[in-house]
Protein backbone atom coordinates (compact mmCIF):
# COMPACT_ATOMS: atom_id res chain seq x y z
CA THR A 1 -8.23 -33.84 -15.05
CA LYS A 2 -7.34 -31.98 -11.89
CA PRO A 3 -6.41 -28.32 -11.98
CA PRO A 4 -2.73 -27.73 -11.20
CA SER A 5 -2.08 -27.20 -7.53
CA PRO A 6 -0.15 -24.13 -6.38
CA PRO A 7 3.48 -24.66 -5.42
CA ARG A 8 3.91 -25.77 -1.81
CA HIS A 9 6.33 -23.03 -0.85
CA SER A 10 5.05 -20.08 -2.80
CA LEU A 11 5.94 -16.80 -1.13
CA ASP A 12 3.94 -13.66 -1.69
CA ARG A 13 6.30 -10.76 -1.09
CA ALA A 14 3.54 -8.23 -0.44
CA SER A 15 1.80 -10.38 2.16
CA GLU A 16 5.11 -11.24 3.85
CA ILE A 17 6.01 -7.54 4.13
CA ARG A 18 2.51 -6.67 5.34
CA GLN A 19 2.72 -9.40 7.99
CA PHE A 20 6.20 -8.24 9.04
CA LEU A 21 5.32 -4.53 9.25
CA SER A 22 1.84 -4.78 10.79
CA PRO A 23 3.11 -4.79 14.42
CA VAL A 24 5.34 -1.79 13.65
CA GLU A 25 2.43 0.09 12.10
CA LYS A 26 0.16 -0.74 15.04
CA GLN A 27 2.76 0.56 17.49
CA CYS A 28 3.24 3.70 15.40
CA HIS A 29 -0.53 4.25 15.37
CA LEU A 30 -0.69 3.97 19.17
CA LYS A 31 2.21 6.39 19.56
CA ASN A 32 0.47 8.83 17.17
CA GLU A 33 -2.69 8.76 19.25
CA LYS A 34 -0.74 9.33 22.47
CA ALA A 35 1.23 12.23 20.95
CA ALA A 36 -1.95 13.81 19.58
CA LEU A 37 -3.61 13.63 23.00
CA GLN A 38 -0.58 15.23 24.65
CA GLN A 39 -0.62 17.98 22.03
CA LEU A 40 -4.37 18.65 22.28
CA LEU A 41 -4.68 18.53 26.06
CA PRO A 42 -3.30 22.07 26.67
CA ALA A 43 -5.66 23.47 24.01
CA TYR A 44 -8.71 21.83 25.60
CA LEU A 45 -7.59 22.91 29.04
CA GLY A 46 -7.10 26.50 27.87
CA TYR A 47 -10.50 26.50 26.18
CA THR A 48 -12.19 25.23 29.34
CA ILE A 49 -10.46 27.75 31.58
CA SER A 50 -11.37 30.55 29.14
CA LEU A 51 -15.02 29.55 29.22
CA VAL A 52 -15.10 29.39 33.02
CA THR A 53 -13.21 32.62 33.69
CA GLY A 54 -14.17 34.66 30.63
CA ASN A 55 -10.47 35.43 30.08
CA PRO A 56 -9.19 34.72 26.53
CA LEU A 57 -5.54 34.44 27.58
CA PRO A 58 -5.65 30.70 28.51
CA LEU A 59 -7.27 29.97 25.16
CA LEU A 60 -4.43 31.74 23.34
CA VAL A 61 -1.80 29.88 25.36
CA GLY A 62 -3.53 26.58 24.63
CA ALA A 63 -3.80 27.41 20.93
CA ALA A 64 -0.08 28.22 20.85
CA SER A 65 0.63 24.61 21.84
CA LEU A 66 -1.04 23.49 18.61
CA MET A 67 1.36 25.54 16.51
CA GLY A 68 4.35 23.35 17.39
CA LYS A 69 5.98 20.79 15.13
CA ASP A 70 4.35 17.36 14.94
CA PRO A 71 6.60 15.13 17.07
CA MET A 72 5.62 12.00 15.14
CA GLN A 73 6.15 13.33 11.61
CA GLU A 74 9.64 11.87 11.17
CA GLU A 75 8.70 8.47 12.59
CA ASN A 76 5.61 8.29 10.35
CA ALA A 77 7.74 9.09 7.31
CA ASN A 78 10.14 6.30 8.28
CA VAL A 79 7.36 3.73 8.60
CA HIS A 80 5.90 4.71 5.22
CA GLY A 81 9.41 4.50 3.77
CA PHE A 82 9.82 0.96 5.08
CA ARG A 83 6.59 -0.04 3.36
CA GLY A 84 7.73 1.57 0.11
CA MET A 85 11.16 -0.05 0.15
CA GLY A 86 9.64 -3.41 1.02
CA GLY A 87 7.46 -3.36 -2.06
CA ARG A 88 10.42 -3.18 -4.41
CA VAL A 89 11.13 -6.19 -6.55
CA ALA A 90 14.53 -7.71 -5.88
């Protein structure tokens, strides 16, 4: 005898949610990388200027830029929340 075939229209909630949210997560990842680069650039610039001039002040100014709040923290929390709410069973 043949093994029973799976239903024709079976829906896997987890895969549907993963497929739906993957473009959102990719976009969020790209925005994270861009924000991280914008946050690190002053620190690298200050470090370079400090090495060239021997003056520690640019390094301190660049390091101060790293002490700011992460601009993507709220958006990342929202994306993770979407994933968590999507996994709930209706």
